[in-house]
Amino acid sequence: MEWYKKVNMDARAAYFLALSEKVLDKLTKFDWFPAIRKSMDLCWKWIEEKKLSGLDMYLEIDDEDEGLFVVTTLTDPFSGNSQAESAFWCVLDAVSYTIKQAYILAGEQNEVPQPIEPVNDENTPNEFMEEIKKVNSYQEEWAERLKEYLLKHYPSGSDKKIQREELLNLIT
């Protein structure tokens, strides 16, 4: 995914978030879905407004009662549903990547929490794409459409603001 390095930081995170939104339907039946939705919404808020810090977002997903990370500690959280499992890992990658970008943008890359540290531009894009391709409803054209749009409108160095609806409308 060499193209990925040619778009700005927000576009990279928004790419993961937008594609993850398209597979959320695999997760809505689980009682922990509100943690997924809240985590995604916080990340979109950061993309659109930059009003949250990386720490603010991290503390939400690391909440031991209702955070996104709690799902990884449950016994068989996906009830054997491999589609839900792949969708979950996509969301976790998207959220973790966005949080790490928030730390980097704030100049706090040395303060990234340990669970987020492994997220990077070398491995995360490929891992994300491997997982999302396992979800039956995923369509390659979504990724291609997003890629072309982001390259055209959000090149590296651009500080143009991204809006969630703008990207989601591209892949409706």
N, C-alpha and C. Protein backbone atom coordinates (compact mmCIF):
# COMPACT_ATOMS: atom_id res chain seq x y z
N MET A 1 0.83 -1.19 0.00
CA MET A 1 0.00 0.00 0.00
C MET A 1 0.87 1.25 0.00
N GLU A 2 1.67 1.38 -1.02
CA GLU A 2 2.58 2.52 -1.12
C GLU A 2 1.83 3.85 -1.23
N TRP A 3 0.64 3.85 -1.82
CA TRP A 3 -0.15 5.07 -1.96
C TRP A 3 -0.43 5.71 -0.61
N TYR A 4 -0.50 4.88 0.39
CA TYR A 4 -0.87 5.27 1.74
C TYR A 4 0.05 6.35 2.30
N LYS A 5 1.29 6.32 1.89
CA LYS A 5 2.26 7.30 2.38
C LYS A 5 2.16 8.63 1.65
N LYS A 6 1.29 8.70 0.64
CA LYS A 6 1.14 9.92 -0.15
C LYS A 6 -0.07 10.76 0.27
N VAL A 7 -0.73 10.35 1.35
CA VAL A 7 -1.86 11.13 1.88
C VAL A 7 -1.51 11.60 3.29
N ASN A 8 -2.25 12.61 3.76
CA ASN A 8 -1.93 13.14 5.09
C ASN A 8 -2.36 12.19 6.21
N MET A 9 -1.93 12.53 7.40
CA MET A 9 -2.15 11.69 8.58
C MET A 9 -3.64 11.42 8.83
N ASP A 10 -4.45 12.46 8.71
CA ASP A 10 -5.89 12.29 8.92
C ASP A 10 -6.49 11.34 7.89
N ALA A 11 -6.06 11.46 6.66
CA ALA A 11 -6.59 10.61 5.59
C ALA A 11 -6.25 9.14 5.84
N ARG A 12 -5.08 8.90 6.38
CA ARG A 12 -4.69 7.51 6.68
C ARG A 12 -5.64 6.91 7.71
N ALA A 13 -5.86 7.64 8.79
CA ALA A 13 -6.75 7.15 9.85
C ALA A 13 -8.19 7.06 9.34
N ALA A 14 -8.63 8.06 8.59
CA ALA A 14 -10.01 8.07 8.08
C ALA A 14 -10.26 6.92 7.12
N TYR A 15 -9.25 6.51 6.38
CA TYR A 15 -9.37 5.36 5.47
C TYR A 15 -9.77 4.11 6.26
N PHE A 16 -9.05 3.85 7.34
CA PHE A 16 -9.36 2.69 8.19
C PHE A 16 -10.74 2.82 8.82
N LEU A 17 -11.04 4.00 9.33
CA LEU A 17 -12.32 4.22 10.00
C LEU A 17 -13.49 4.04 9.03
N ALA A 18 -13.38 4.63 7.84
CA ALA A 18 -14.47 4.55 6.87
C ALA A 18 -14.73 3.10 6.44
N LEU A 19 -13.67 2.37 6.16
CA LEU A 19 -13.85 0.97 5.76
C LEU A 19 -14.41 0.15 6.93
N SER A 20 -13.97 0.45 8.13
CA SER A 20 -14.50 -0.26 9.31
C SER A 20 -15.99 0.01 9.49
N GLU A 21 -16.41 1.23 9.22
CA GLU A 21 -17.84 1.55 9.33
C GLU A 21 -18.68 0.62 8.45
N LYS A 22 -18.13 0.24 7.31
CA LYS A 22 -18.88 -0.59 6.36
C LYS A 22 -19.06 -2.03 6.83
N VAL A 23 -18.29 -2.45 7.81
CA VAL A 23 -18.43 -3.84 8.30
C VAL A 23 -18.96 -3.91 9.73
N LEU A 24 -19.37 -2.77 10.28
CA LEU A 24 -19.89 -2.74 11.64
C LEU A 24 -21.15 -3.58 11.81
N ASP A 25 -21.89 -3.78 10.74
CA ASP A 25 -23.13 -4.57 10.84
C ASP A 25 -22.87 -5.98 11.37
N LYS A 26 -21.65 -6.45 11.25
CA LYS A 26 -21.30 -7.78 11.75
C LYS A 26 -21.20 -7.80 13.28
N LEU A 27 -21.19 -6.61 13.89
CA LEU A 27 -20.96 -6.51 15.33
C LEU A 27 -22.16 -6.01 16.13
N THR A 28 -23.17 -5.53 15.49
CA THR A 28 -24.28 -4.87 16.19
C THR A 28 -25.04 -5.77 17.15
N LYS A 29 -25.02 -7.07 16.95
CA LYS A 29 -25.80 -7.97 17.81
C LYS A 29 -25.13 -8.28 19.16
N PHE A 30 -23.87 -7.91 19.29
CA PHE A 30 -23.14 -8.22 20.52
C PHE A 30 -23.40 -7.16 21.58
N ASP A 31 -23.46 -7.60 22.84
CA ASP A 31 -23.77 -6.65 23.91
C ASP A 31 -22.66 -5.63 24.13
N TRP A 32 -21.48 -5.88 23.60
CA TRP A 32 -20.38 -4.94 23.73
C TRP A 32 -20.30 -3.97 22.54
N PHE A 33 -21.26 -4.03 21.63
CA PHE A 33 -21.25 -3.12 20.47
C PHE A 33 -21.21 -1.64 20.86
N PRO A 34 -21.90 -1.20 21.92
CA PRO A 34 -21.81 0.23 22.27
C PRO A 34 -20.36 0.71 22.48
N ALA A 35 -19.49 -0.16 22.96
CA ALA A 35 -18.07 0.21 23.11
C ALA A 35 -17.43 0.43 21.75
N ILE A 36 -17.82 -0.38 20.78
CA ILE A 36 -17.32 -0.23 19.41
C ILE A 36 -17.77 1.12 18.84
N ARG A 37 -19.06 1.38 18.94
CA ARG A 37 -19.63 2.61 18.38
C ARG A 37 -19.01 3.84 19.03
N LYS A 38 -18.87 3.80 20.36
CA LYS A 38 -18.30 4.94 21.08
C LYS A 38 -16.85 5.18 20.66
N SER A 39 -16.08 4.11 20.53
CA SER A 39 -14.68 4.24 20.12
C SER A 39 -14.56 4.83 18.72
N MET A 40 -15.39 4.34 17.82
CA MET A 40 -15.37 4.85 16.44
C MET A 40 -15.76 6.34 16.43
N ASP A 41 -16.80 6.69 17.18
CA ASP A 41 -17.25 8.08 17.22
C ASP A 41 -16.17 9.01 17.78
N LEU A 42 -15.47 8.57 18.81
CA LEU A 42 -14.38 9.37 19.37
C LEU A 42 -13.29 9.60 18.34
N CYS A 43 -12.97 8.57 17.59
CA CYS A 43 -11.93 8.70 16.56
C CYS A 43 -12.36 9.65 15.45
N TRP A 44 -13.60 9.54 15.02
CA TRP A 44 -14.10 10.47 14.00
C TRP A 44 -14.08 11.91 14.55
N LYS A 45 -14.40 12.06 15.80
CA LYS A 45 -14.38 13.40 16.41
C LYS A 45 -12.96 13.96 16.37
N TRP A 46 -11.98 13.11 16.63
CA TRP A 46 -10.60 13.56 16.57
C TRP A 46 -10.24 13.94 15.13
N ILE A 47 -10.62 13.11 14.17
CA ILE A 47 -10.32 13.40 12.76
C ILE A 47 -10.93 14.76 12.37
N GLU A 48 -12.17 14.98 12.74
CA GLU A 48 -12.89 16.17 12.30
C GLU A 48 -12.56 17.43 13.09
N GLU A 49 -12.30 17.31 14.38
CA GLU A 49 -12.19 18.50 15.22
C GLU A 49 -10.89 18.64 16.01
N LYS A 50 -10.18 17.56 16.21
CA LYS A 50 -8.94 17.56 17.01
C LYS A 50 -9.17 18.08 18.43
N LYS A 51 -10.35 17.81 18.99
CA LYS A 51 -10.66 18.29 20.33
C LYS A 51 -10.32 17.29 21.42
N LEU A 52 -9.92 16.11 21.04
CA LEU A 52 -9.55 15.08 22.01
C LEU A 52 -8.06 14.80 21.90
N SER A 53 -7.48 14.38 23.00
CA SER A 53 -6.07 13.98 22.95
C SER A 53 -6.00 12.47 22.74
N GLY A 54 -4.83 12.00 22.40
CA GLY A 54 -4.63 10.56 22.29
C GLY A 54 -4.94 9.89 23.61
N LEU A 55 -4.55 10.52 24.71
CA LEU A 55 -4.81 9.96 26.03
C LEU A 55 -6.31 9.88 26.31
N ASP A 56 -7.05 10.93 25.96
CA ASP A 56 -8.51 10.91 26.16
C ASP A 56 -9.12 9.70 25.46
N MET A 57 -8.74 9.49 24.22
CA MET A 57 -9.31 8.37 23.45
C MET A 57 -8.85 7.04 24.02
N TYR A 58 -7.57 6.97 24.37
CA TYR A 58 -7.04 5.72 24.90
C TYR A 58 -7.75 5.32 26.19
N LEU A 59 -7.95 6.28 27.08
CA LEU A 59 -8.61 5.97 28.35
C LEU A 59 -10.02 5.42 28.13
N GLU A 60 -10.69 5.89 27.11
CA GLU A 60 -12.03 5.38 26.79
C GLU A 60 -11.97 3.92 26.33
N ILE A 61 -11.03 3.60 25.45
CA ILE A 61 -11.00 2.22 24.95
C ILE A 61 -10.38 1.26 25.95
N ASP A 62 -9.63 1.81 26.91
CA ASP A 62 -9.00 0.96 27.92
C ASP A 62 -9.84 0.85 29.19
N ASP A 63 -11.02 1.46 29.21
CA ASP A 63 -11.91 1.37 30.37
C ASP A 63 -12.20 -0.11 30.65
N GLU A 64 -11.91 -0.56 31.86
CA GLU A 64 -12.02 -1.99 32.17
C GLU A 64 -13.44 -2.51 32.24
N ASP A 65 -14.42 -1.62 32.27
CA ASP A 65 -15.81 -2.05 32.31
C ASP A 65 -16.49 -1.98 30.94
N GLU A 66 -16.22 -0.91 30.21
CA GLU A 66 -16.96 -0.69 28.97
C GLU A 66 -16.08 -0.35 27.77
N GLY A 67 -14.78 -0.45 27.90
CA GLY A 67 -13.90 -0.07 26.81
C GLY A 67 -13.76 -1.14 25.74
N LEU A 68 -13.29 -0.71 24.60
CA LEU A 68 -13.10 -1.60 23.45
C LEU A 68 -12.15 -2.76 23.78
N PHE A 69 -11.10 -2.48 24.54
CA PHE A 69 -10.13 -3.53 24.86
C PHE A 69 -10.73 -4.66 25.68
N VAL A 70 -11.80 -4.39 26.42
CA VAL A 70 -12.40 -5.43 27.26
C VAL A 70 -12.87 -6.61 26.41
N VAL A 71 -13.24 -6.36 25.17
CA VAL A 71 -13.70 -7.44 24.28
C VAL A 71 -12.60 -8.49 24.10
N THR A 72 -11.35 -8.04 24.05
CA THR A 72 -10.24 -8.97 23.83
C THR A 72 -10.00 -9.87 25.04
N THR A 73 -10.59 -9.53 26.18
CA THR A 73 -10.39 -10.35 27.39
C THR A 73 -11.53 -11.34 27.62
N LEU A 74 -12.58 -11.23 26.84
CA LEU A 74 -13.74 -12.11 27.01
C LEU A 74 -13.46 -13.49 26.44
N THR A 75 -14.10 -14.49 26.99
CA THR A 75 -14.01 -15.85 26.46
C THR A 75 -14.97 -15.96 25.29
N ASP A 76 -14.44 -16.28 24.12
CA ASP A 76 -15.22 -16.42 22.89
C ASP A 76 -16.18 -15.24 22.67
N PRO A 77 -15.64 -14.03 22.58
CA PRO A 77 -16.50 -12.85 22.44
C PRO A 77 -17.30 -12.81 21.14
N PHE A 78 -16.89 -13.60 20.16
CA PHE A 78 -17.55 -13.57 18.85
C PHE A 78 -18.48 -14.76 18.64
N SER A 79 -18.63 -15.58 19.66
CA SER A 79 -19.50 -16.76 19.59
C SER A 79 -19.22 -17.61 18.35
N GLY A 80 -17.95 -17.74 18.03
CA GLY A 80 -17.55 -18.55 16.88
C GLY A 80 -17.81 -17.91 15.53
N ASN A 81 -18.22 -16.66 15.50
CA ASN A 81 -18.55 -15.96 14.26
C ASN A 81 -17.28 -15.31 13.69
N SER A 82 -16.69 -15.94 12.68
CA SER A 82 -15.44 -15.44 12.11
C SER A 82 -15.62 -14.10 11.40
N GLN A 83 -16.81 -13.84 10.87
CA GLN A 83 -17.09 -12.55 10.23
C GLN A 83 -17.02 -11.42 11.26
N ALA A 84 -17.63 -11.65 12.40
CA ALA A 84 -17.60 -10.66 13.48
C ALA A 84 -16.18 -10.47 13.99
N GLU A 85 -15.45 -11.56 14.10
CA GLU A 85 -14.08 -11.46 14.59
C GLU A 85 -13.22 -10.61 13.66
N SER A 86 -13.32 -10.84 12.36
CA SER A 86 -12.55 -10.05 11.40
C SER A 86 -12.96 -8.58 11.45
N ALA A 87 -14.26 -8.32 11.53
CA ALA A 87 -14.74 -6.94 11.62
C ALA A 87 -14.21 -6.27 12.88
N PHE A 88 -14.20 -7.01 13.99
CA PHE A 88 -13.69 -6.45 15.24
C PHE A 88 -12.21 -6.07 15.11
N TRP A 89 -11.39 -6.94 14.52
CA TRP A 89 -9.97 -6.63 14.39
C TRP A 89 -9.76 -5.42 13.49
N CYS A 90 -10.62 -5.24 12.50
CA CYS A 90 -10.54 -4.04 11.66
C CYS A 90 -10.80 -2.79 12.49
N VAL A 91 -11.85 -2.84 13.29
CA VAL A 91 -12.18 -1.70 14.15
C VAL A 91 -11.04 -1.43 15.13
N LEU A 92 -10.51 -2.47 15.74
CA LEU A 92 -9.43 -2.29 16.69
C LEU A 92 -8.21 -1.66 16.02
N ASP A 93 -7.87 -2.11 14.81
CA ASP A 93 -6.76 -1.50 14.07
C ASP A 93 -7.06 -0.03 13.78
N ALA A 94 -8.27 0.26 13.30
CA ALA A 94 -8.64 1.64 12.94
C ALA A 94 -8.57 2.57 14.15
N VAL A 95 -9.13 2.12 15.25
CA VAL A 95 -9.15 2.94 16.47
C VAL A 95 -7.73 3.10 17.02
N SER A 96 -6.99 2.02 17.09
CA SER A 96 -5.61 2.09 17.60
C SER A 96 -4.75 2.99 16.74
N TYR A 97 -4.90 2.87 15.43
CA TYR A 97 -4.12 3.71 14.52
C TYR A 97 -4.45 5.19 14.74
N THR A 98 -5.73 5.50 14.86
CA THR A 98 -6.14 6.89 15.06
C THR A 98 -5.59 7.44 16.37
N ILE A 99 -5.65 6.65 17.41
CA ILE A 99 -5.11 7.08 18.71
C ILE A 99 -3.62 7.35 18.60
N LYS A 100 -2.90 6.47 17.94
CA LYS A 100 -1.46 6.68 17.81
C LYS A 100 -1.18 7.96 17.01
N GLN A 101 -1.97 8.22 15.98
CA GLN A 101 -1.79 9.45 15.20
C GLN A 101 -2.01 10.68 16.08
N ALA A 102 -2.97 10.60 16.99
CA ALA A 102 -3.23 11.72 17.90
C ALA A 102 -2.01 11.98 18.79
N TYR A 103 -1.40 10.93 19.27
CA TYR A 103 -0.18 11.09 20.08
C TYR A 103 0.94 11.71 19.24
N ILE A 104 1.11 11.23 18.03
CA ILE A 104 2.18 11.73 17.16
C ILE A 104 1.96 13.20 16.84
N LEU A 105 0.73 13.56 16.47
CA LEU A 105 0.42 14.95 16.13
C LEU A 105 0.70 15.89 17.30
N ALA A 106 0.47 15.42 18.51
CA ALA A 106 0.71 16.23 19.71
C ALA A 106 2.18 16.22 20.13
N GLY A 107 3.03 15.51 19.38
CA GLY A 107 4.44 15.42 19.73
C GLY A 107 4.69 14.53 20.93
N GLU A 108 3.77 13.60 21.17
CA GLU A 108 3.86 12.72 22.33
C GLU A 108 4.11 11.26 21.93
N GLN A 109 4.83 11.06 20.82
CA GLN A 109 5.06 9.69 20.35
C GLN A 109 5.80 8.82 21.35
N ASN A 110 6.51 9.43 22.28
CA ASN A 110 7.21 8.65 23.31
C ASN A 110 6.30 8.28 24.48
N GLU A 111 5.06 8.76 24.46
CA GLU A 111 4.12 8.48 25.54
C GLU A 111 2.99 7.54 25.11
N VAL A 112 3.10 6.96 23.93
CA VAL A 112 2.06 6.07 23.41
C VAL A 112 1.93 4.86 24.34
N PRO A 113 0.72 4.55 24.79
CA PRO A 113 0.52 3.39 25.67
C PRO A 113 0.97 2.09 24.99
N GLN A 114 1.49 1.19 25.79
CA GLN A 114 2.06 -0.06 25.28
C GLN A 114 1.14 -0.82 24.31
N PRO A 115 -0.16 -0.97 24.57
CA PRO A 115 -0.99 -1.72 23.63
C PRO A 115 -1.10 -1.07 22.24
N ILE A 116 -0.81 0.22 22.16
CA ILE A 116 -0.91 0.96 20.89
C ILE A 116 0.44 1.01 20.17
N GLU A 117 1.53 0.82 20.89
CA GLU A 117 2.87 0.95 20.32
C GLU A 117 3.10 0.17 19.02
N PRO A 118 2.64 -1.08 18.91
CA PRO A 118 2.93 -1.85 17.68
C PRO A 118 2.27 -1.30 16.41
N VAL A 119 1.28 -0.44 16.55
CA VAL A 119 0.58 0.11 15.39
C VAL A 119 1.54 1.02 14.63
N ASN A 120 1.65 0.80 13.31
CA ASN A 120 2.55 1.63 12.51
C ASN A 120 2.16 1.61 11.04
N ASP A 121 2.81 2.46 10.26
CA ASP A 121 2.51 2.56 8.83
C ASP A 121 3.10 1.42 8.01
N GLU A 122 3.95 0.62 8.61
CA GLU A 122 4.55 -0.49 7.87
C GLU A 122 3.66 -1.73 7.88
N ASN A 123 3.14 -2.09 9.04
CA ASN A 123 2.39 -3.34 9.17
C ASN A 123 0.87 -3.17 9.24
N THR A 124 0.42 -2.13 9.89
CA THR A 124 -1.02 -1.98 10.14
C THR A 124 -1.85 -1.94 8.86
N PRO A 125 -1.46 -1.20 7.82
CA PRO A 125 -2.29 -1.20 6.60
C PRO A 125 -2.49 -2.60 6.01
N ASN A 126 -1.43 -3.38 5.96
CA ASN A 126 -1.53 -4.73 5.40
C ASN A 126 -2.36 -5.65 6.29
N GLU A 127 -2.14 -5.55 7.60
CA GLU A 127 -2.92 -6.38 8.54
C GLU A 127 -4.40 -6.03 8.44
N PHE A 128 -4.68 -4.74 8.37
CA PHE A 128 -6.07 -4.28 8.27
C PHE A 128 -6.72 -4.84 7.00
N MET A 129 -6.03 -4.70 5.87
CA MET A 129 -6.61 -5.16 4.60
C MET A 129 -6.79 -6.68 4.59
N GLU A 130 -5.88 -7.42 5.19
CA GLU A 130 -6.04 -8.88 5.28
C GLU A 130 -7.31 -9.23 6.03
N GLU A 131 -7.58 -8.54 7.13
CA GLU A 131 -8.77 -8.83 7.94
C GLU A 131 -10.05 -8.42 7.23
N ILE A 132 -10.06 -7.23 6.65
CA ILE A 132 -11.31 -6.75 6.06
C ILE A 132 -11.71 -7.59 4.84
N LYS A 133 -10.73 -8.13 4.16
CA LYS A 133 -11.03 -8.98 2.99
C LYS A 133 -11.69 -10.30 3.40
N LYS A 134 -11.61 -10.64 4.67
CA LYS A 134 -12.27 -11.86 5.17
C LYS A 134 -13.76 -11.64 5.44
N VAL A 135 -14.19 -10.38 5.47
CA VAL A 135 -15.59 -10.06 5.75
C VAL A 135 -16.37 -10.14 4.44
N ASN A 136 -17.38 -10.99 4.42
CA ASN A 136 -18.13 -11.26 3.20
C ASN A 136 -18.72 -10.02 2.53
N SER A 137 -19.15 -9.06 3.30
CA SER A 137 -19.79 -7.88 2.72
C SER A 137 -18.80 -6.85 2.17
N TYR A 138 -17.52 -7.03 2.46
CA TYR A 138 -16.50 -6.08 2.00
C TYR A 138 -16.43 -6.07 0.48
N GLN A 139 -16.27 -4.87 -0.09
CA GLN A 139 -16.13 -4.72 -1.53
C GLN A 139 -14.85 -3.96 -1.83
N GLU A 140 -14.02 -4.54 -2.65
CA GLU A 140 -12.73 -3.93 -3.02
C GLU A 140 -12.92 -2.52 -3.59
N GLU A 141 -14.03 -2.30 -4.27
CA GLU A 141 -14.27 -0.98 -4.88
C GLU A 141 -14.36 0.12 -3.82
N TRP A 142 -14.79 -0.22 -2.59
CA TRP A 142 -14.82 0.79 -1.53
C TRP A 142 -13.41 1.32 -1.27
N ALA A 143 -12.49 0.39 -1.10
CA ALA A 143 -11.11 0.77 -0.79
C ALA A 143 -10.51 1.57 -1.94
N GLU A 144 -10.79 1.14 -3.16
CA GLU A 144 -10.25 1.83 -4.33
C GLU A 144 -10.83 3.24 -4.45
N ARG A 145 -12.13 3.37 -4.25
CA ARG A 145 -12.78 4.68 -4.33
C ARG A 145 -12.23 5.62 -3.25
N LEU A 146 -12.10 5.12 -2.04
CA LEU A 146 -11.53 5.93 -0.96
C LEU A 146 -10.10 6.34 -1.27
N LYS A 147 -9.32 5.39 -1.72
CA LYS A 147 -7.92 5.65 -2.04
C LYS A 147 -7.80 6.78 -3.06
N GLU A 148 -8.52 6.68 -4.16
CA GLU A 148 -8.45 7.71 -5.21
C GLU A 148 -8.89 9.07 -4.68
N TYR A 149 -9.95 9.09 -3.90
CA TYR A 149 -10.47 10.34 -3.36
C TYR A 149 -9.47 10.97 -2.39
N LEU A 150 -8.93 10.17 -1.51
CA LEU A 150 -7.97 10.68 -0.52
C LEU A 150 -6.70 11.19 -1.19
N LEU A 151 -6.21 10.47 -2.18
CA LEU A 151 -5.02 10.92 -2.91
C LEU A 151 -5.27 12.27 -3.58
N LYS A 152 -6.44 12.44 -4.14
CA LYS A 152 -6.77 13.67 -4.86
C LYS A 152 -7.01 14.85 -3.91
N HIS A 153 -7.71 14.61 -2.81
CA HIS A 153 -8.15 15.70 -1.95
C HIS A 153 -7.35 15.90 -0.66
N TYR A 154 -6.59 14.90 -0.25
CA TYR A 154 -5.86 14.98 1.02
C TYR A 154 -4.42 14.50 0.88
N PRO A 155 -3.65 15.11 -0.03
CA PRO A 155 -2.27 14.67 -0.20
C PRO A 155 -1.44 14.95 1.05
N SER A 156 -0.33 14.27 1.15
CA SER A 156 0.59 14.49 2.26
C SER A 156 0.93 15.98 2.32
N GLY A 157 0.90 16.53 3.50
CA GLY A 157 1.18 17.95 3.68
C GLY A 157 -0.06 18.83 3.69
N SER A 158 -1.18 18.29 3.22
CA SER A 158 -2.44 19.04 3.21
C SER A 158 -3.00 19.10 4.63
N ASP A 159 -3.61 20.24 4.97
CA ASP A 159 -4.24 20.33 6.29
C ASP A 159 -5.76 20.48 6.17
N LYS A 160 -6.29 20.14 5.01
CA LYS A 160 -7.73 20.19 4.77
C LYS A 160 -8.44 19.22 5.71
N LYS A 161 -9.55 19.68 6.30
CA LYS A 161 -10.30 18.87 7.26
C LYS A 161 -11.15 17.81 6.56
N ILE A 162 -11.16 16.62 7.13
CA ILE A 162 -11.95 15.51 6.61
C ILE A 162 -13.24 15.42 7.42
N GLN A 163 -14.33 15.15 6.74
CA GLN A 163 -15.63 14.94 7.38
C GLN A 163 -16.06 13.49 7.19
N ARG A 164 -16.52 12.87 8.23
CA ARG A 164 -16.97 11.48 8.21
C ARG A 164 -17.97 11.24 7.07
N GLU A 165 -19.02 12.04 7.02
CA GLU A 165 -20.08 11.83 6.03
C GLU A 165 -19.56 11.92 4.60
N GLU A 166 -18.61 12.80 4.39
CA GLU A 166 -18.01 12.96 3.07
C GLU A 166 -17.43 11.63 2.58
N LEU A 167 -16.71 10.95 3.44
CA LEU A 167 -16.09 9.68 3.04
C LEU A 167 -17.11 8.54 2.99
N LEU A 168 -18.00 8.50 3.96
CA LEU A 168 -18.98 7.41 3.98
C LEU A 168 -19.92 7.49 2.79
N ASN A 169 -20.22 8.69 2.33
CA ASN A 169 -21.07 8.84 1.14
C ASN A 169 -20.40 8.30 -0.11
N LEU A 170 -19.09 8.32 -0.15
CA LEU A 170 -18.35 7.77 -1.30
C LEU A 170 -18.52 6.26 -1.43
N ILE A 171 -18.74 5.61 -0.31
CA ILE A 171 -18.77 4.14 -0.33
C ILE A 171 -20.13 3.58 0.08
N THR A 172 -21.16 4.37 -0.15
CA THR A 172 -22.52 3.94 0.19
C THR A 172 -23.00 2.89 -0.80
